[in-house]
PDB file of N, CA and C in Angstrom:
ATOM      1  N   MET A   1     -22.006   4.605   3.691  1.00  0.00           N
ATOM      2  CA  MET A   1     -21.038   5.363   2.904  1.00  0.00           C
ATOM      3  C   MET A   1     -21.119   6.833   3.301  1.00  0.00           C
ATOM      4  N   ASP A   2     -19.955   7.475   3.275  1.00  0.00           N
ATOM      5  CA  ASP A   2     -19.872   8.897   3.582  1.00  0.00           C
ATOM      6  C   ASP A   2     -19.897   9.680   2.273  1.00  0.00           C
ATOM      7  N   PHE A   3     -21.063  10.207   1.932  1.00  0.00           N
ATOM      8  CA  PHE A   3     -21.229  10.958   0.687  1.00  0.00           C
ATOM      9  C   PHE A   3     -20.992  12.454   0.882  1.00  0.00           C
ATOM     10  N   SER A   4     -20.474  12.861   2.047  1.00  0.00           N
ATOM     11  CA  SER A   4     -20.368  14.283   2.370  1.00  0.00           C
ATOM     12  C   SER A   4     -19.117  14.964   1.812  1.00  0.00           C
ATOM     13  N   LYS A   5     -18.117  14.228   1.372  1.00  0.00           N
ATOM     14  CA  LYS A   5     -16.831  14.828   1.018  1.00  0.00           C
ATOM     15  C   LYS A   5     -16.742  15.368  -0.409  1.00  0.00           C
ATOM     16  N   LEU A   6     -17.440  14.779  -1.340  1.00  0.00           N
ATOM     17  CA  LEU A   6     -17.331  15.179  -2.752  1.00  0.00           C
ATOM     18  C   LEU A   6     -18.696  15.564  -3.314  1.00  0.00           C
ATOM     19  N   ASP A   7     -19.381  16.444  -2.628  1.00  0.00           N
ATOM     20  CA  ASP A   7     -20.691  16.916  -3.094  1.00  0.00           C
ATOM     21  C   ASP A   7     -21.661  15.776  -3.344  1.00  0.00           C
ATOM     22  N   GLY A   8     -21.701  14.828  -2.417  1.00  0.00           N
ATOM     23  CA  GLY A   8     -22.655  13.733  -2.510  1.00  0.00           C
ATOM     24  C   GLY A   8     -22.197  12.544  -3.328  1.00  0.00           C
ATOM     25  N   LEU A   9     -20.912  12.507  -3.686  1.00  0.00           N
ATOM     26  CA  LEU A   9     -20.384  11.429  -4.519  1.00  0.00           C
ATOM     27  C   LEU A   9     -19.270  10.686  -3.795  1.00  0.00           C
ATOM     28  N   VAL A  10     -19.062   9.443  -4.191  1.00  0.00           N
ATOM     29  CA  VAL A  10     -17.899   8.672  -3.750  1.00  0.00           C
ATOM     30  C   VAL A  10     -17.254   8.061  -4.985  1.00  0.00           C
ATOM     31  N   PRO A  11     -15.905   7.985  -5.014  1.00  0.00           N
ATOM     32  CA  PRO A  11     -15.245   7.290  -6.112  1.00  0.00           C
ATOM     33  C   PRO A  11     -15.572   5.799  -6.052  1.00  0.00           C
ATOM     34  N   ALA A  12     -15.729   5.204  -7.224  1.00  0.00           N
ATOM     35  CA  ALA A  12     -15.982   3.768  -7.337  1.00  0.00           C
ATOM     36  C   ALA A  12     -14.882   3.173  -8.213  1.00  0.00           C
ATOM     37  N   VAL A  13     -14.008   2.393  -7.596  1.00  0.00           N
ATOM     38  CA  VAL A  13     -12.924   1.728  -8.314  1.00  0.00           C
ATOM     39  C   VAL A  13     -13.465   0.396  -8.823  1.00  0.00           C
ATOM     40  N   ILE A  14     -13.391   0.201 -10.140  1.00  0.00           N
ATOM     41  CA  ILE A  14     -13.947  -1.001 -10.755  1.00  0.00           C
ATOM     42  C   ILE A  14     -12.810  -1.966 -11.059  1.00  0.00           C
ATOM     43  N   GLN A  15     -12.912  -3.171 -10.498  1.00  0.00           N
ATOM     44  CA  GLN A  15     -11.853  -4.174 -10.609  1.00  0.00           C
ATOM     45  C   GLN A  15     -12.414  -5.468 -11.181  1.00  0.00           C
ATOM     46  N   ASP A  16     -11.699  -6.047 -12.131  1.00  0.00           N
ATOM     47  CA  ASP A  16     -12.073  -7.341 -12.689  1.00  0.00           C
ATOM     48  C   ASP A  16     -11.921  -8.399 -11.596  1.00  0.00           C
ATOM     49  N   ALA A  17     -12.984  -9.122 -11.298  1.00  0.00           N
ATOM     50  CA  ALA A  17     -12.980 -10.101 -10.206  1.00  0.00           C
ATOM     51  C   ALA A  17     -12.082 -11.292 -10.503  1.00  0.00           C
ATOM     52  N   GLU A  18     -11.819 -11.569 -11.772  1.00  0.00           N
ATOM     53  CA  GLU A  18     -10.987 -12.713 -12.138  1.00  0.00           C
ATOM     54  C   GLU A  18      -9.508 -12.355 -12.187  1.00  0.00           C
ATOM     55  N   SER A  19      -9.167 -11.257 -12.869  1.00  0.00           N
ATOM     56  CA  SER A  19      -7.760 -10.900 -13.080  1.00  0.00           C
ATOM     57  C   SER A  19      -7.222  -9.907 -12.053  1.00  0.00           C
ATOM     58  N   ASN A  20      -8.122  -9.271 -11.293  1.00  0.00           N
ATOM     59  CA  ASN A  20      -7.782  -8.208 -10.339  1.00  0.00           C
ATOM     60  C   ASN A  20      -7.336  -6.911 -11.012  1.00  0.00           C
ATOM     61  N   GLU A  21      -7.446  -6.834 -12.330  1.00  0.00           N
ATOM     62  CA  GLU A  21      -7.067  -5.638 -13.068  1.00  0.00           C
ATOM     63  C   GLU A  21      -8.043  -4.504 -12.752  1.00  0.00           C
ATOM     64  N   VAL A  22      -7.513  -3.295 -12.526  1.00  0.00           N
ATOM     65  CA  VAL A  22      -8.377  -2.129 -12.360  1.00  0.00           C
ATOM     66  C   VAL A  22      -8.849  -1.705 -13.742  1.00  0.00           C
ATOM     67  N   LEU A  23     -10.151  -1.642 -13.919  1.00  0.00           N
ATOM     68  CA  LEU A  23     -10.730  -1.367 -15.231  1.00  0.00           C
ATOM     69  C   LEU A  23     -11.089   0.092 -15.427  1.00  0.00           C
ATOM     70  N   MET A  24     -11.609   0.734 -14.397  1.00  0.00           N
ATOM     71  CA  MET A  24     -12.026   2.126 -14.504  1.00  0.00           C
ATOM     72  C   MET A  24     -12.304   2.681 -13.119  1.00  0.00           C
ATOM     73  N   VAL A  25     -12.488   3.987 -13.071  1.00  0.00           N
ATOM     74  CA  VAL A  25     -12.941   4.664 -11.866  1.00  0.00           C
ATOM     75  C   VAL A  25     -14.104   5.549 -12.268  1.00  0.00           C
ATOM     76  N   GLY A  26     -15.197   5.444 -11.541  1.00  0.00           N
ATOM     77  CA  GLY A  26     -16.355   6.291 -11.774  1.00  0.00           C
ATOM     78  C   GLY A  26     -16.780   6.890 -10.444  1.00  0.00           C
ATOM     79  N   PHE A  27     -17.902   7.566 -10.458  1.00  0.00           N
ATOM     80  CA  PHE A  27     -18.442   8.145  -9.234  1.00  0.00           C
ATOM     81  C   PHE A  27     -19.862   7.655  -9.029  1.00  0.00           C
ATOM     82  N   MET A  28     -20.209   7.467  -7.773  1.00  0.00           N
ATOM     83  CA  MET A  28     -21.555   7.051  -7.398  1.00  0.00           C
ATOM     84  C   MET A  28     -22.117   8.009  -6.359  1.00  0.00           C
ATOM     85  N   ASN A  29     -23.395   8.324  -6.509  1.00  0.00           N
ATOM     86  CA  ASN A  29     -24.096   8.970  -5.413  1.00  0.00           C
ATOM     87  C   ASN A  29     -24.876   7.878  -4.697  1.00  0.00           C
ATOM     88  N   ASP A  30     -25.663   8.247  -3.689  1.00  0.00           N
ATOM     89  CA  ASP A  30     -26.360   7.203  -2.933  1.00  0.00           C
ATOM     90  C   ASP A  30     -27.343   6.429  -3.796  1.00  0.00           C
ATOM     91  N   GLU A  31     -27.959   7.093  -4.773  1.00  0.00           N
ATOM     92  CA  GLU A  31     -28.913   6.409  -5.644  1.00  0.00           C
ATOM     93  C   GLU A  31     -28.207   5.425  -6.581  1.00  0.00           C
ATOM     94  N   ALA A  32     -27.055   5.811  -7.123  1.00  0.00           N
ATOM     95  CA  ALA A  32     -26.295   4.918  -8.004  1.00  0.00           C
ATOM     96  C   ALA A  32     -25.820   3.687  -7.241  1.00  0.00           C
ATOM     97  N   LEU A  33     -25.373   3.888  -6.009  1.00  0.00           N
ATOM     98  CA  LEU A  33     -24.930   2.749  -5.208  1.00  0.00           C
ATOM     99  C   LEU A  33     -26.113   1.840  -4.877  1.00  0.00           C
ATOM    100  N   ALA A  34     -27.246   2.428  -4.559  1.00  0.00           N
ATOM    101  CA  ALA A  34     -28.441   1.617  -4.265  1.00  0.00           C
ATOM    102  C   ALA A  34     -28.864   0.815  -5.488  1.00  0.00           C
ATOM    103  N   LEU A  35     -28.828   1.418  -6.668  1.00  0.00           N
ATOM    104  CA  LEU A  35     -29.182   0.699  -7.909  1.00  0.00           C
ATOM    105  C   LEU A  35     -28.172  -0.396  -8.212  1.00  0.00           C
ATOM    106  N   THR A  36     -26.902  -0.118  -7.988  1.00  0.00           N
ATOM    107  CA  THR A  36     -25.866  -1.127  -8.190  1.00  0.00           C
ATOM    108  C   THR A  36     -26.136  -2.331  -7.294  1.00  0.00           C
ATOM    109  N   ARG A  37     -26.468  -2.063  -6.047  1.00  0.00           N
ATOM    110  CA  ARG A  37     -26.723  -3.146  -5.094  1.00  0.00           C
ATOM    111  C   ARG A  37     -28.002  -3.907  -5.423  1.00  0.00           C
ATOM    112  N   SER A  38     -29.022  -3.220  -5.910  1.00  0.00           N
ATOM    113  CA  SER A  38     -30.302  -3.900  -6.153  1.00  0.00           C
ATOM    114  C   SER A  38     -30.380  -4.585  -7.517  1.00  0.00           C
ATOM    115  N   THR A  39     -29.663  -4.062  -8.524  1.00  0.00           N
ATOM    116  CA  THR A  39     -29.721  -4.661  -9.866  1.00  0.00           C
ATOM    117  C   THR A  39     -28.589  -5.651 -10.112  1.00  0.00           C
ATOM    118  N   GLY A  40     -27.473  -5.481  -9.386  1.00  0.00           N
ATOM    119  CA  GLY A  40     -26.307  -6.321  -9.621  1.00  0.00           C
ATOM    120  C   GLY A  40     -25.453  -5.858 -10.785  1.00  0.00           C
ATOM    121  N   TYR A  41     -25.732  -4.665 -11.304  1.00  0.00           N
ATOM    122  CA  TYR A  41     -24.939  -4.090 -12.390  1.00  0.00           C
ATOM    123  C   TYR A  41     -24.448  -2.708 -11.988  1.00  0.00           C
ATOM    124  N   ALA A  42     -23.194  -2.397 -12.339  1.00  0.00           N
ATOM    125  CA  ALA A  42     -22.571  -1.134 -11.942  1.00  0.00           C
ATOM    126  C   ALA A  42     -23.296   0.051 -12.573  1.00  0.00           C
ATOM    127  N   THR A  43     -23.744   0.941 -11.708  1.00  0.00           N
ATOM    128  CA  THR A  43     -24.422   2.172 -12.116  1.00  0.00           C
ATOM    129  C   THR A  43     -23.666   3.341 -11.501  1.00  0.00           C
ATOM    130  N   PHE A  44     -23.513   4.404 -12.258  1.00  0.00           N
ATOM    131  CA  PHE A  44     -22.708   5.547 -11.850  1.00  0.00           C
ATOM    132  C   PHE A  44     -23.507   6.836 -11.945  1.00  0.00           C
ATOM    133  N   TYR A  45     -22.916   7.889 -11.386  1.00  0.00           N
ATOM    134  CA  TYR A  45     -23.470   9.221 -11.553  1.00  0.00           C
ATOM    135  C   TYR A  45     -22.519  10.007 -12.440  1.00  0.00           C
ATOM    136  N   SER A  46     -23.014  10.515 -13.557  1.00  0.00           N
ATOM    137  CA  SER A  46     -22.198  11.307 -14.471  1.00  0.00           C
ATOM    138  C   SER A  46     -22.132  12.743 -13.976  1.00  0.00           C
ATOM    139  N   ARG A  47     -20.928  13.204 -13.674  1.00  0.00           N
ATOM    140  CA  ARG A  47     -20.759  14.582 -13.220  1.00  0.00           C
ATOM    141  C   ARG A  47     -20.977  15.572 -14.344  1.00  0.00           C
ATOM    142  N   THR A  48     -20.669  15.195 -15.587  1.00  0.00           N
ATOM    143  CA  THR A  48     -20.840  16.117 -16.706  1.00  0.00           C
ATOM    144  C   THR A  48     -22.297  16.198 -17.151  1.00  0.00           C
ATOM    145  N   ARG A  49     -22.965  15.064 -17.215  1.00  0.00           N
ATOM    146  CA  ARG A  49     -24.375  15.047 -17.640  1.00  0.00           C
ATOM    147  C   ARG A  49     -25.340  15.193 -16.472  1.00  0.00           C
ATOM    148  N   GLN A  50     -24.817  15.067 -15.252  1.00  0.00           N
ATOM    149  CA  GLN A  50     -25.595  15.162 -14.020  1.00  0.00           C
ATOM    150  C   GLN A  50     -26.807  14.229 -14.039  1.00  0.00           C
ATOM    151  N   LYS A  51     -26.512  12.956 -14.341  1.00  0.00           N
ATOM    152  CA  LYS A  51     -27.563  11.940 -14.325  1.00  0.00           C
ATOM    153  C   LYS A  51     -26.949  10.571 -14.104  1.00  0.00           C
ATOM    154  N   LEU A  52     -27.791   9.626 -13.728  1.00  0.00           N
ATOM    155  CA  LEU A  52     -27.359   8.250 -13.531  1.00  0.00           C
ATOM    156  C   LEU A  52     -27.149   7.565 -14.875  1.00  0.00           C
ATOM    157  N   TRP A  53     -26.211   6.631 -14.921  1.00  0.00           N
ATOM    158  CA  TRP A  53     -26.007   5.811 -16.115  1.00  0.00           C
ATOM    159  C   TRP A  53     -25.474   4.457 -15.705  1.00  0.00           C
ATOM    160  N   MET A  54     -25.962   3.436 -16.372  1.00  0.00           N
ATOM    161  CA  MET A  54     -25.476   2.077 -16.142  1.00  0.00           C
ATOM    162  C   MET A  54     -24.414   1.777 -17.189  1.00  0.00           C
ATOM    163  N   LYS A  55     -23.252   1.333 -16.733  1.00  0.00           N
ATOM    164  CA  LYS A  55     -22.179   0.978 -17.657  1.00  0.00           C
ATOM    165  C   LYS A  55     -22.678  -0.099 -18.610  1.00  0.00           C
ATOM    166  N   GLY A  56     -22.533   0.155 -19.908  1.00  0.00           N
ATOM    167  CA  GLY A  56     -22.935  -0.808 -20.925  1.00  0.00           C
ATOM    168  C   GLY A  56     -24.367  -0.689 -21.375  1.00  0.00           C
ATOM    169  N   GLU A  57     -25.081   0.347 -20.928  1.00  0.00           N
ATOM    170  CA  GLU A  57     -26.496   0.462 -21.304  1.00  0.00           C
ATOM    171  C   GLU A  57     -26.686   0.643 -22.810  1.00  0.00           C
ATOM    172  N   THR A  58     -25.692   1.194 -23.495  1.00  0.00           N
ATOM    173  CA  THR A  58     -25.799   1.314 -24.949  1.00  0.00           C
ATOM    174  C   THR A  58     -24.862   0.350 -25.675  1.00  0.00           C
ATOM    175  N   SER A  59     -23.692   0.062 -25.105  1.00  0.00           N
ATOM    176  CA  SER A  59     -22.704  -0.789 -25.777  1.00  0.00           C
ATOM    177  C   SER A  59     -22.919  -2.275 -25.531  1.00  0.00           C
ATOM    178  N   GLY A  60     -23.620  -2.609 -24.450  1.00  0.00           N
ATOM    179  CA  GLY A  60     -23.779  -4.008 -24.072  1.00  0.00           C
ATOM    180  C   GLY A  60     -22.643  -4.533 -23.212  1.00  0.00           C
ATOM    181  N   ASN A  61     -21.635  -3.701 -22.980  1.00  0.00           N
ATOM    182  CA  ASN A  61     -20.481  -4.101 -22.175  1.00  0.00           C
ATOM    183  C   ASN A  61     -20.755  -3.789 -20.702  1.00  0.00           C
ATOM    184  N   ARG A  62     -21.724  -4.499 -20.152  1.00  0.00           N
ATOM    185  CA  ARG A  62     -22.127  -4.251 -18.771  1.00  0.00           C
ATOM    186  C   ARG A  62     -21.144  -4.856 -17.791  1.00  0.00           C
ATOM    187  N   LEU A  63     -21.232  -4.388 -16.556  1.00  0.00           N
ATOM    188  CA  LEU A  63     -20.371  -4.858 -15.486  1.00  0.00           C
ATOM    189  C   LEU A  63     -21.234  -5.509 -14.421  1.00  0.00           C
ATOM    190  N   ALA A  64     -21.230  -6.834 -14.381  1.00  0.00           N
ATOM    191  CA  ALA A  64     -22.001  -7.585 -13.391  1.00  0.00           C
ATOM    192  C   ALA A  64     -21.215  -7.604 -12.083  1.00  0.00           C
ATOM    193  N   VAL A  65     -21.835  -7.119 -11.042  1.00  0.00           N
ATOM    194  CA  VAL A  65     -21.157  -6.988  -9.754  1.00  0.00           C
ATOM    195  C   VAL A  65     -21.105  -8.341  -9.046  1.00  0.00           C
ATOM    196  N   VAL A  66     -19.900  -8.706  -8.602  1.00  0.00           N
ATOM    197  CA  VAL A  66     -19.740  -9.935  -7.820  1.00  0.00           C
ATOM    198  C   VAL A  66     -19.346  -9.637  -6.379  1.00  0.00           C
ATOM    199  N   GLY A  67     -18.963  -8.386  -6.097  1.00  0.00           N
ATOM    200  CA  GLY A  67     -18.621  -8.016  -4.729  1.00  0.00           C
ATOM    201  C   GLY A  67     -18.446  -6.523  -4.574  1.00  0.00           C
ATOM    202  N   LEU A  68     -18.777  -6.027  -3.383  1.00  0.00           N
ATOM    203  CA  LEU A  68     -18.620  -4.618  -3.036  1.00  0.00           C
ATOM    204  C   LEU A  68     -17.870  -4.530  -1.721  1.00  0.00           C
ATOM    205  N   SER A  69     -16.933  -3.586  -1.646  1.00  0.00           N
ATOM    206  CA  SER A  69     -16.218  -3.318  -0.399  1.00  0.00           C
ATOM    207  C   SER A  69     -16.053  -1.813  -0.269  1.00  0.00           C
ATOM    208  N   THR A  70     -16.001  -1.352   0.960  1.00  0.00           N
ATOM    209  CA  THR A  70     -15.729   0.057   1.197  1.00  0.00           C
ATOM    210  C   THR A  70     -14.345   0.194   1.822  1.00  0.00           C
ATOM    211  N   ASP A  71     -13.747   1.349   1.658  1.00  0.00           N
ATOM    212  CA  ASP A  71     -12.453   1.568   2.288  1.00  0.00           C
ATOM    213  C   ASP A  71     -12.638   1.920   3.758  1.00  0.00           C
ATOM    214  N   CYS A  72     -11.524   2.095   4.460  1.00  0.00           N
ATOM    215  CA  CYS A  72     -11.556   2.310   5.906  1.00  0.00           C
ATOM    216  C   CYS A  72     -12.264   3.592   6.315  1.00  0.00           C
ATOM    217  N   ASP A  73     -12.354   4.584   5.417  1.00  0.00           N
ATOM    218  CA  ASP A  73     -13.031   5.844   5.729  1.00  0.00           C
ATOM    219  C   ASP A  73     -14.469   5.890   5.223  1.00  0.00           C
ATOM    220  N   ASP A  74     -14.934   4.810   4.620  1.00  0.00           N
ATOM    221  CA  ASP A  74     -16.283   4.751   4.051  1.00  0.00           C
ATOM    222  C   ASP A  74     -16.546   5.849   3.023  1.00  0.00           C
ATOM    223  N   ASP A  75     -15.494   6.234   2.261  1.00  0.00           N
ATOM    224  CA  ASP A  75     -15.710   7.268   1.248  1.00  0.00           C
ATOM    225  C   ASP A  75     -15.254   6.852  -0.150  1.00  0.00           C
ATOM    226  N   THR A  76     -14.952   5.561  -0.327  1.00  0.00           N
ATOM    227  CA  THR A  76     -14.620   5.000  -1.637  1.00  0.00           C
ATOM    228  C   THR A  76     -15.127   3.566  -1.655  1.00  0.00           C
ATOM    229  N   VAL A  77     -15.665   3.164  -2.801  1.00  0.00           N
ATOM    230  CA  VAL A  77     -16.171   1.797  -2.909  1.00  0.00           C
ATOM    231  C   VAL A  77     -15.371   1.038  -3.967  1.00  0.00           C
ATOM    232  N   LEU A  78     -15.020  -0.192  -3.651  1.00  0.00           N
ATOM    233  CA  LEU A  78     -14.374  -1.103  -4.597  1.00  0.00           C
ATOM    234  C   LEU A  78     -15.461  -2.027  -5.124  1.00  0.00           C
ATOM    235  N   VAL A  79     -15.618  -2.026  -6.445  1.00  0.00           N
ATOM    236  CA  VAL A  79     -16.648  -2.836  -7.088  1.00  0.00           C
ATOM    237  C   VAL A  79     -15.945  -3.909  -7.911  1.00  0.00           C
ATOM    238  N   ARG A  80     -16.065  -5.139  -7.472  1.00  0.00           N
ATOM    239  CA  ARG A  80     -15.473  -6.269  -8.206  1.00  0.00           C
ATOM    240  C   ARG A  80     -16.529  -6.774  -9.188  1.00  0.00           C
ATOM    241  N   VAL A  81     -16.125  -6.910 -10.451  1.00  0.00           N
ATOM    242  CA  VAL A  81     -17.094  -7.179 -11.509  1.00  0.00           C
ATOM    243  C   VAL A  81     -16.673  -8.321 -12.419  1.00  0.00           C
ATOM    244  N   ARG A  82     -17.669  -8.820 -13.134  1.00  0.00           N
ATOM    245  CA  ARG A  82     -17.467  -9.731 -14.255  1.00  0.00           C
ATOM    246  C   ARG A  82     -17.904  -8.950 -15.494  1.00  0.00           C
ATOM    247  N   ARG A  83     -17.006  -8.849 -16.468  1.00  0.00           N
ATOM    248  CA  ARG A  83     -17.295  -8.077 -17.677  1.00  0.00           C
ATOM    249  C   ARG A  83     -18.226  -8.846 -18.611  1.00  0.00           C
ATOM    250  N   GLU A  84     -19.201  -8.163 -19.170  1.00  0.00           N
ATOM    251  CA  GLU A  84     -20.107  -8.759 -20.152  1.00  0.00           C
ATOM    252  C   GLU A  84     -19.889  -8.086 -21.502  1.00  0.00           C
ATOM    253  N   GLY A  85     -20.456  -8.659 -22.542  1.00  0.00           N
ATOM    254  CA  GLY A  85     -20.276  -8.116 -23.888  1.00  0.00           C
ATOM    255  C   GLY A  85     -18.904  -8.480 -24.423  1.00  0.00           C
ATOM    256  N   ASP A  86     -18.262  -7.551 -25.133  1.00  0.00           N
ATOM    257  CA  ASP A  86     -16.945  -7.853 -25.691  1.00  0.00           C
ATOM    258  C   ASP A  86     -15.824  -7.706 -24.660  1.00  0.00           C
ATOM    259  N   GLY A  87     -16.175  -7.277 -23.457  1.00  0.00           N
ATOM    260  CA  GLY A  87     -15.191  -7.201 -22.380  1.00  0.00           C
ATOM    261  C   GLY A  87     -14.441  -5.896 -22.297  1.00  0.00           C
ATOM    262  N   ASN A  88     -14.612  -5.021 -23.288  1.00  0.00           N
ATOM    263  CA  ASN A  88     -13.922  -3.737 -23.263  1.00  0.00           C
ATOM    264  C   ASN A  88     -14.713  -2.759 -22.401  1.00  0.00           C
ATOM    265  N   VAL A  89     -14.019  -2.131 -21.470  1.00  0.00           N
ATOM    266  CA  VAL A  89     -14.681  -1.266 -20.502  1.00  0.00           C
ATOM    267  C   VAL A  89     -14.563   0.208 -20.873  1.00  0.00           C
ATOM    268  N   CYS A  90     -13.437   0.618 -21.439  1.00  0.00           N
ATOM    269  CA  CYS A  90     -13.209   2.030 -21.737  1.00  0.00           C
ATOM    270  C   CYS A  90     -14.067   2.492 -22.919  1.00  0.00           C
ATOM    271  N   HIS A  91     -14.508   3.735 -22.848  1.00  0.00           N
ATOM    272  CA  HIS A  91     -15.312   4.289 -23.946  1.00  0.00           C
ATOM    273  C   HIS A  91     -14.518   4.418 -25.244  1.00  0.00           C
ATOM    274  N   THR A  92     -13.176   4.285 -25.167  1.00  0.00           N
ATOM    275  CA  THR A  92     -12.334   4.335 -26.361  1.00  0.00           C
ATOM    276  C   THR A  92     -12.275   2.996 -27.079  1.00  0.00           C
ATOM    277  N   GLY A  93     -12.848   1.958 -26.442  1.00  0.00           N
ATOM    278  CA  GLY A  93     -12.805   0.622 -27.009  1.00  0.00           C
ATOM    279  C   GLY A  93     -11.714  -0.252 -26.409  1.00  0.00           C
ATOM    280  N   GLU A  94     -10.925   0.303 -25.498  1.00  0.00           N
ATOM    281  CA  GLU A  94      -9.881  -0.464 -24.819  1.00  0.00           C
ATOM    282  C   GLU A  94     -10.492  -1.329 -23.721  1.00  0.00           C
ATOM    283  N   ARG A  95      -9.769  -2.360 -23.348  1.00  0.00           N
ATOM    284  CA  ARG A  95     -10.213  -3.279 -22.292  1.00  0.00           C
ATOM    285  C   ARG A  95     -10.356  -2.558 -20.962  1.00  0.00           C
ATOM    286  N   THR A  96      -9.416  -1.678 -20.644  1.00  0.00           N
ATOM    287  CA  THR A  96      -9.399  -0.922 -19.400  1.00  0.00           C
ATOM    288  C   THR A  96      -9.177   0.548 -19.719  1.00  0.00           C
ATOM    289  N   CYS A  97      -9.589   1.420 -18.828  1.00  0.00           N
ATOM    290  CA  CYS A  97      -9.333   2.850 -19.012  1.00  0.00           C
ATOM    291  C   CYS A  97      -7.882   3.208 -18.715  1.00  0.00           C
ATOM    292  N   PHE A  98      -7.145   2.284 -18.091  1.00  0.00           N
ATOM    293  CA  PHE A  98      -5.760   2.548 -17.703  1.00  0.00           C
ATOM    294  C   PHE A  98      -4.787   1.889 -18.683  1.00  0.00           C
ATOM    295  N   PHE A  99      -4.764   2.421 -19.914  1.00  0.00           N
ATOM    296  CA  PHE A  99      -3.905   1.859 -20.953  1.00  0.00           C
ATOM    297  C   PHE A  99      -2.824   2.835 -21.411  1.00  0.00           C
ATOM    298  N   LYS A 100      -2.756   4.018 -20.825  1.00  0.00           N
ATOM    299  CA  LYS A 100      -1.787   5.029 -21.237  1.00  0.00           C
ATOM    300  C   LYS A 100      -0.653   5.117 -20.210  1.00  0.00           C
ATOM    301  N   PRO A 101       0.520   4.568 -20.521  1.00  0.00           N
ATOM    302  CA  PRO A 101       1.618   4.604 -19.554  1.00  0.00           C
ATOM    303  C   PRO A 101       2.153   6.019 -19.356  1.00  0.00           C
ATOM    304  N   MET A 102       2.622   6.283 -18.159  1.00  0.00           N
ATOM    305  CA  MET A 102       3.281   7.540 -17.826  1.00  0.00           C
ATOM    306  C   MET A 102       4.709   7.234 -17.416  1.00  0.00           C
ATOM    307  N   THR A 103       5.601   8.187 -17.640  1.00  0.00           N
ATOM    308  CA  THR A 103       6.967   8.006 -17.199  1.00  0.00           C
ATOM    309  C   THR A 103       7.082   8.464 -15.755  1.00  0.00           C
ATOM    310  N   LEU A 104       7.968   7.813 -15.048  1.00  0.00           N
ATOM    311  CA  LEU A 104       8.236   8.140 -13.653  1.00  0.00           C
ATOM    312  C   LEU A 104       9.393   9.130 -13.634  1.00  0.00           C
ATOM    313  N   GLU A 105       9.208  10.267 -12.974  1.00  0.00           N
ATOM    314  CA  GLU A 105      10.236  11.313 -12.972  1.00  0.00           C
ATOM    315  C   GLU A 105      10.728  11.552 -11.543  1.00  0.00           C
ATOM    316  N   VAL A 106      11.368  10.546 -10.989  1.00  0.00           N
ATOM    317  CA  VAL A 106      11.855  10.616  -9.626  1.00  0.00           C
ATOM    318  C   VAL A 106      13.257  11.212  -9.615  1.00  0.00           C
ATOM    319  N   THR A 107      13.466  12.204  -8.781  1.00  0.00           N
ATOM    320  CA  THR A 107      14.806  12.749  -8.570  1.00  0.00           C
ATOM    321  C   THR A 107      15.153  12.558  -7.104  1.00  0.00           C
ATOM    322  N   ARG A 108      16.342  12.031  -6.892  1.00  0.00           N
ATOM    323  CA  ARG A 108      16.762  11.762  -5.504  1.00  0.00           C
ATOM    324  C   ARG A 108      18.073  12.417  -5.215  1.00  0.00           C
TER     325      ARG A 108
END
C-alpha cells in the first residue's frame, strides 16, 4: 500500500460482502491495516483522536473481514465485511453511513 499521499493514511471503503452495499469509509495507517489482516476485524486510524480503533469495540457491531482488495494505485483499500451485532454500522445507529440523500444539480 502507498501510505505516502495522505500523511500515512489510506481510505478504506467498507462494503457488505453479501449485499455489496457501501457501509462506511474510514482511514487506515499501516498498523491498522496490519491489525485488520491479522485479526480479521476492521481496524481504523482515527484522525481526530489520533489512535487506532476497532469498529464495534464498544457497540459490538464489529466488521468481520471476508476480503481485501487494493485499487490500481495502491492508495485505497476495499474491505468486504460481514456485519456482526445488530448490523448497524453508522455511529448514528443507521445500517450504513450513507443514508442522507443529496439532490443532483446538473445544468446542461
